[in-house]
PDB file of all heavy atoms in Angstrom:
ATOM      1  N   PHE A   1       0.743  19.529  -2.966  1.00  0.00           N
ATOM      2  CA  PHE A   1       0.008  18.408  -3.543  1.00  0.00           C
ATOM      3  C   PHE A   1      -0.670  17.574  -2.446  1.00  0.00           C
ATOM      4  O   PHE A   1      -1.862  17.260  -2.521  1.00  0.00           O
ATOM      5  CB  PHE A   1       0.973  17.559  -4.360  1.00  0.00           C
ATOM      6  CG  PHE A   1       0.362  16.357  -5.015  1.00  0.00           C
ATOM      7  CD1 PHE A   1      -0.783  16.456  -5.794  1.00  0.00           C
ATOM      8  CD2 PHE A   1       0.944  15.098  -4.853  1.00  0.00           C
ATOM      9  CE1 PHE A   1      -1.337  15.336  -6.412  1.00  0.00           C
ATOM     10  CE2 PHE A   1       0.402  13.985  -5.467  1.00  0.00           C
ATOM     11  CZ  PHE A   1      -0.743  14.100  -6.240  1.00  0.00           C
ATOM     12  N   LEU A   2       0.095  17.246  -1.408  1.00  0.00           N
ATOM     13  CA  LEU A   2      -0.469  16.467  -0.308  1.00  0.00           C
ATOM     14  C   LEU A   2      -1.598  17.223   0.386  1.00  0.00           C
ATOM     15  O   LEU A   2      -2.636  16.638   0.727  1.00  0.00           O
ATOM     16  CB  LEU A   2       0.623  16.133   0.714  1.00  0.00           C
ATOM     17  CG  LEU A   2       1.712  15.147   0.299  1.00  0.00           C
ATOM     18  CD1 LEU A   2       2.692  14.937   1.449  1.00  0.00           C
ATOM     19  CD2 LEU A   2       1.123  13.823  -0.131  1.00  0.00           C
ATOM     20  N   SER A   3      -1.401  18.506   0.598  1.00  0.00           N
ATOM     21  CA  SER A   3      -2.405  19.312   1.304  1.00  0.00           C
ATOM     22  C   SER A   3      -3.739  19.289   0.579  1.00  0.00           C
ATOM     23  O   SER A   3      -4.805  19.216   1.204  1.00  0.00           O
ATOM     24  CB  SER A   3      -1.918  20.752   1.466  1.00  0.00           C
ATOM     25  OG  SER A   3      -0.722  20.806   2.219  1.00  0.00           O
ATOM     26  N   LEU A   4      -3.702  19.355  -0.750  1.00  0.00           N
ATOM     27  CA  LEU A   4      -4.928  19.322  -1.532  1.00  0.00           C
ATOM     28  C   LEU A   4      -5.626  17.977  -1.378  1.00  0.00           C
ATOM     29  O   LEU A   4      -6.856  17.906  -1.301  1.00  0.00           O
ATOM     30  CB  LEU A   4      -4.609  19.593  -3.003  1.00  0.00           C
ATOM     31  CG  LEU A   4      -5.794  19.696  -3.974  1.00  0.00           C
ATOM     32  CD1 LEU A   4      -6.792  20.749  -3.521  1.00  0.00           C
ATOM     33  CD2 LEU A   4      -5.289  20.017  -5.380  1.00  0.00           C
ATOM     34  N   LEU A   5      -4.861  16.901  -1.310  1.00  0.00           N
ATOM     35  CA  LEU A   5      -5.445  15.562  -1.198  1.00  0.00           C
ATOM     36  C   LEU A   5      -6.007  15.283   0.190  1.00  0.00           C
ATOM     37  O   LEU A   5      -7.094  14.708   0.320  1.00  0.00           O
ATOM     38  CB  LEU A   5      -4.396  14.505  -1.537  1.00  0.00           C
ATOM     39  CG  LEU A   5      -3.967  14.390  -2.997  1.00  0.00           C
ATOM     40  CD1 LEU A   5      -2.756  13.466  -3.120  1.00  0.00           C
ATOM     41  CD2 LEU A   5      -5.115  13.872  -3.865  1.00  0.00           C
ATOM     42  N   VAL A   6      -5.280  15.677   1.230  1.00  0.00           N
ATOM     43  CA  VAL A   6      -5.673  15.290   2.587  1.00  0.00           C
ATOM     44  C   VAL A   6      -6.587  16.296   3.257  1.00  0.00           C
ATOM     45  O   VAL A   6      -7.184  16.005   4.297  1.00  0.00           O
ATOM     46  CB  VAL A   6      -4.434  15.049   3.475  1.00  0.00           C
ATOM     47  CG1 VAL A   6      -3.537  13.990   2.858  1.00  0.00           C
ATOM     48  CG2 VAL A   6      -3.660  16.342   3.726  1.00  0.00           C
ATOM     49  N   GLY A   7      -6.710  17.503   2.697  1.00  0.00           N
ATOM     50  CA  GLY A   7      -7.679  18.460   3.232  1.00  0.00           C
ATOM     51  C   GLY A   7      -7.189  19.308   4.375  1.00  0.00           C
ATOM     52  O   GLY A   7      -7.989  19.968   5.044  1.00  0.00           O
ATOM     53  N   TRP A   8      -5.902  19.321   4.627  1.00  0.00           N
ATOM     54  CA  TRP A   8      -5.335  20.235   5.624  1.00  0.00           C
ATOM     55  C   TRP A   8      -3.916  20.588   5.205  1.00  0.00           C
ATOM     56  O   TRP A   8      -3.313  19.906   4.389  1.00  0.00           O
ATOM     57  CB  TRP A   8      -5.375  19.637   7.025  1.00  0.00           C
ATOM     58  CG  TRP A   8      -4.682  18.317   7.217  1.00  0.00           C
ATOM     59  CD1 TRP A   8      -5.179  17.080   6.968  1.00  0.00           C
ATOM     60  CD2 TRP A   8      -3.358  18.104   7.738  1.00  0.00           C
ATOM     61  NE1 TRP A   8      -4.268  16.108   7.269  1.00  0.00           N
ATOM     62  CE2 TRP A   8      -3.140  16.700   7.762  1.00  0.00           C
ATOM     63  CE3 TRP A   8      -2.339  18.952   8.181  1.00  0.00           C
ATOM     64  CZ2 TRP A   8      -1.953  16.143   8.204  1.00  0.00           C
ATOM     65  CZ3 TRP A   8      -1.151  18.396   8.633  1.00  0.00           C
ATOM     66  CH2 TRP A   8      -0.972  17.002   8.645  1.00  0.00           C
ATOM     67  N   GLU A   9      -3.399  21.695   5.739  1.00  0.00           N
ATOM     68  CA  GLU A   9      -2.094  22.184   5.306  1.00  0.00           C
ATOM     69  C   GLU A   9      -0.979  21.332   5.890  1.00  0.00           C
ATOM     70  O   GLU A   9      -0.793  21.261   7.107  1.00  0.00           O
ATOM     71  CB  GLU A   9      -1.898  23.649   5.717  1.00  0.00           C
ATOM     72  CG  GLU A   9      -0.629  24.253   5.136  1.00  0.00           C
ATOM     73  CD  GLU A   9      -0.530  25.744   5.408  1.00  0.00           C
ATOM     74  OE1 GLU A   9      -1.538  26.332   5.852  1.00  0.00           O
ATOM     75  OE2 GLU A   9       0.558  26.306   5.186  1.00  0.00           O
ATOM     76  N   VAL A  10      -0.249  20.683   5.006  1.00  0.00           N
ATOM     77  CA  VAL A  10       0.823  19.779   5.424  1.00  0.00           C
ATOM     78  C   VAL A  10       2.166  20.501   5.298  1.00  0.00           C
ATOM     79  O   VAL A  10       2.532  20.939   4.209  1.00  0.00           O
ATOM     80  CB  VAL A  10       0.833  18.504   4.546  1.00  0.00           C
ATOM     81  CG1 VAL A  10       1.943  17.561   5.004  1.00  0.00           C
ATOM     82  CG2 VAL A  10      -0.521  17.816   4.592  1.00  0.00           C
ATOM     83  N   PRO A  11       2.919  20.640   6.382  1.00  0.00           N
ATOM     84  CA  PRO A  11       4.228  21.287   6.291  1.00  0.00           C
ATOM     85  C   PRO A  11       5.299  20.296   5.827  1.00  0.00           C
ATOM     86  O   PRO A  11       5.108  19.079   5.883  1.00  0.00           O
ATOM     87  CB  PRO A  11       4.494  21.724   7.730  1.00  0.00           C
ATOM     88  CG  PRO A  11       3.800  20.667   8.546  1.00  0.00           C
ATOM     89  CD  PRO A  11       2.565  20.273   7.759  1.00  0.00           C
ATOM     90  N   VAL A  12       6.416  20.833   5.376  1.00  0.00           N
ATOM     91  CA  VAL A  12       7.562  19.986   5.031  1.00  0.00           C
ATOM     92  C   VAL A  12       8.224  19.569   6.344  1.00  0.00           C
ATOM     93  O   VAL A  12       8.682  20.416   7.100  1.00  0.00           O
ATOM     94  CB  VAL A  12       8.570  20.746   4.147  1.00  0.00           C
ATOM     95  CG1 VAL A  12       9.742  19.842   3.799  1.00  0.00           C
ATOM     96  CG2 VAL A  12       7.905  21.261   2.888  1.00  0.00           C
ATOM     97  N   PRO A  13       8.277  18.281   6.652  1.00  0.00           N
ATOM     98  CA  PRO A  13       8.803  17.849   7.962  1.00  0.00           C
ATOM     99  C   PRO A  13      10.313  17.992   8.064  1.00  0.00           C
ATOM    100  O   PRO A  13      11.058  17.386   7.295  1.00  0.00           O
ATOM    101  CB  PRO A  13       8.394  16.361   8.018  1.00  0.00           C
ATOM    102  CG  PRO A  13       8.301  15.944   6.594  1.00  0.00           C
ATOM    103  CD  PRO A  13       7.837  17.148   5.823  1.00  0.00           C
ATOM    104  N   GLY A  14      10.761  18.805   8.974  1.00  0.00           N
ATOM    105  CA  GLY A  14      12.196  18.956   9.188  1.00  0.00           C
ATOM    106  C   GLY A  14      12.942  19.483   7.989  1.00  0.00           C
ATOM    107  O   GLY A  14      14.151  19.269   7.860  1.00  0.00           O
ATOM    108  N   GLY A  15      12.228  20.145   7.088  1.00  0.00           N
ATOM    109  CA  GLY A  15      12.864  20.725   5.911  1.00  0.00           C
ATOM    110  C   GLY A  15      13.139  19.753   4.791  1.00  0.00           C
ATOM    111  O   GLY A  15      13.710  20.124   3.771  1.00  0.00           O
ATOM    112  N   LYS A  16      12.712  18.486   4.941  1.00  0.00           N
ATOM    113  CA  LYS A  16      13.019  17.504   3.910  1.00  0.00           C
ATOM    114  C   LYS A  16      12.049  16.341   3.982  1.00  0.00           C
ATOM    115  O   LYS A  16      11.759  15.812   5.049  1.00  0.00           O
ATOM    116  CB  LYS A  16      14.459  16.993   4.093  1.00  0.00           C
ATOM    117  CG  LYS A  16      14.910  16.004   3.043  1.00  0.00           C
ATOM    118  CD  LYS A  16      16.340  15.572   3.289  1.00  0.00           C
ATOM    119  CE  LYS A  16      16.813  14.576   2.239  1.00  0.00           C
ATOM    120  NZ  LYS A  16      18.214  14.133   2.490  1.00  0.00           N
ATOM    121  N   TRP A  17      11.537  15.922   2.817  1.00  0.00           N
ATOM    122  CA  TRP A  17      10.677  14.744   2.745  1.00  0.00           C
ATOM    123  C   TRP A  17      11.515  13.476   2.689  1.00  0.00           C
ATOM    124  O   TRP A  17      12.572  13.444   2.066  1.00  0.00           O
ATOM    125  CB  TRP A  17       9.787  14.804   1.495  1.00  0.00           C
ATOM    126  CG  TRP A  17       8.746  15.876   1.538  1.00  0.00           C
ATOM    127  CD1 TRP A  17       8.758  17.055   0.853  1.00  0.00           C
ATOM    128  CD2 TRP A  17       7.550  15.863   2.311  1.00  0.00           C
ATOM    129  NE1 TRP A  17       7.643  17.793   1.150  1.00  0.00           N
ATOM    130  CE2 TRP A  17       6.875  17.078   2.045  1.00  0.00           C
ATOM    131  CE3 TRP A  17       6.982  14.958   3.195  1.00  0.00           C
ATOM    132  CZ2 TRP A  17       5.658  17.409   2.644  1.00  0.00           C
ATOM    133  CZ3 TRP A  17       5.772  15.277   3.791  1.00  0.00           C
ATOM    134  CH2 TRP A  17       5.122  16.484   3.516  1.00  0.00           C
ATOM    135  N   LYS A  18      11.011  12.452   3.339  1.00  0.00           N
ATOM    136  CA  LYS A  18      11.651  11.141   3.269  1.00  0.00           C
ATOM    137  C   LYS A  18      11.145  10.397   2.036  1.00  0.00           C
ATOM    138  O   LYS A  18      10.184  10.787   1.394  1.00  0.00           O
ATOM    139  CB  LYS A  18      11.342  10.329   4.533  1.00  0.00           C
ATOM    140  CG  LYS A  18      11.762  11.016   5.820  1.00  0.00           C
ATOM    141  CD  LYS A  18      13.259  11.209   5.896  1.00  0.00           C
ATOM    142  CE  LYS A  18      13.675  11.814   7.240  1.00  0.00           C
ATOM    143  NZ  LYS A  18      15.135  12.046   7.307  1.00  0.00           N
ATOM    144  N   LYS A  19      11.788   9.271   1.732  1.00  0.00           N
ATOM    145  CA  LYS A  19      11.426   8.476   0.556  1.00  0.00           C
ATOM    146  C   LYS A  19      10.130   7.697   0.751  1.00  0.00           C
ATOM    147  O   LYS A  19       9.631   7.086  -0.193  1.00  0.00           O
ATOM    148  CB  LYS A  19      12.554   7.522   0.195  1.00  0.00           C
ATOM    149  CG  LYS A  19      13.812   8.230  -0.297  1.00  0.00           C
ATOM    150  CD  LYS A  19      14.891   7.240  -0.665  1.00  0.00           C
ATOM    151  CE  LYS A  19      16.143   7.959  -1.152  1.00  0.00           C
ATOM    152  NZ  LYS A  19      17.227   6.996  -1.495  1.00  0.00           N
ATOM    153  N   SER A  20       9.603   7.702   1.951  1.00  0.00           N
ATOM    154  CA  SER A  20       8.308   7.066   2.201  1.00  0.00           C
ATOM    155  C   SER A  20       7.635   7.805   3.343  1.00  0.00           C
ATOM    156  O   SER A  20       8.303   8.463   4.152  1.00  0.00           O
ATOM    157  CB  SER A  20       8.482   5.581   2.545  1.00  0.00           C
ATOM    158  OG  SER A  20       9.261   5.427   3.717  1.00  0.00           O
ATOM    159  N   GLY A  21       6.316   7.714   3.395  1.00  0.00           N
ATOM    160  CA  GLY A  21       5.602   8.397   4.464  1.00  0.00           C
ATOM    161  C   GLY A  21       4.111   8.191   4.385  1.00  0.00           C
ATOM    162  O   GLY A  21       3.584   7.636   3.412  1.00  0.00           O
ATOM    163  N   LEU A  22       3.413   8.621   5.430  1.00  0.00           N
ATOM    164  CA  LEU A  22       1.958   8.533   5.532  1.00  0.00           C
ATOM    165  C   LEU A  22       1.415   9.852   6.055  1.00  0.00           C
ATOM    166  O   LEU A  22       2.027  10.478   6.923  1.00  0.00           O
ATOM    167  CB  LEU A  22       1.544   7.429   6.512  1.00  0.00           C
ATOM    168  CG  LEU A  22       1.515   5.982   6.043  1.00  0.00           C
ATOM    169  CD1 LEU A  22       1.378   5.060   7.247  1.00  0.00           C
ATOM    170  CD2 LEU A  22       0.358   5.756   5.086  1.00  0.00           C
ATOM    171  N   VAL A  23       0.275  10.274   5.522  1.00  0.00           N
ATOM    172  CA  VAL A  23      -0.428  11.446   6.036  1.00  0.00           C
ATOM    173  C   VAL A  23      -1.904  11.092   6.133  1.00  0.00           C
ATOM    174  O   VAL A  23      -2.501  10.642   5.151  1.00  0.00           O
ATOM    175  CB  VAL A  23      -0.245  12.683   5.136  1.00  0.00           C
ATOM    176  CG1 VAL A  23      -0.989  13.875   5.735  1.00  0.00           C
ATOM    177  CG2 VAL A  23       1.225  13.015   4.947  1.00  0.00           C
ATOM    178  N   THR A  24      -2.503  11.275   7.293  1.00  0.00           N
ATOM    179  CA  THR A  24      -3.918  10.969   7.460  1.00  0.00           C
ATOM    180  C   THR A  24      -4.771  12.111   6.928  1.00  0.00           C
ATOM    181  O   THR A  24      -4.371  13.287   6.990  1.00  0.00           O
ATOM    182  CB  THR A  24      -4.242  10.702   8.941  1.00  0.00           C
ATOM    183  OG1 THR A  24      -5.584  10.238   9.057  1.00  0.00           O
ATOM    184  CG2 THR A  24      -4.078  11.959   9.781  1.00  0.00           C
ATOM    185  N   GLY A  25      -5.916  11.761   6.367  1.00  0.00           N
ATOM    186  CA  GLY A  25      -6.765  12.758   5.739  1.00  0.00           C
ATOM    187  C   GLY A  25      -7.840  13.314   6.647  1.00  0.00           C
ATOM    188  O   GLY A  25      -8.270  12.654   7.609  1.00  0.00           O
TER     189      GLY A  25
END
């Protein structure tokens, strides 16, 4: 979902998403 929004392939960080975060597009 994030990858589609931000325009690049976003990996799962450390095998787990945190309850908050930022990704630049």
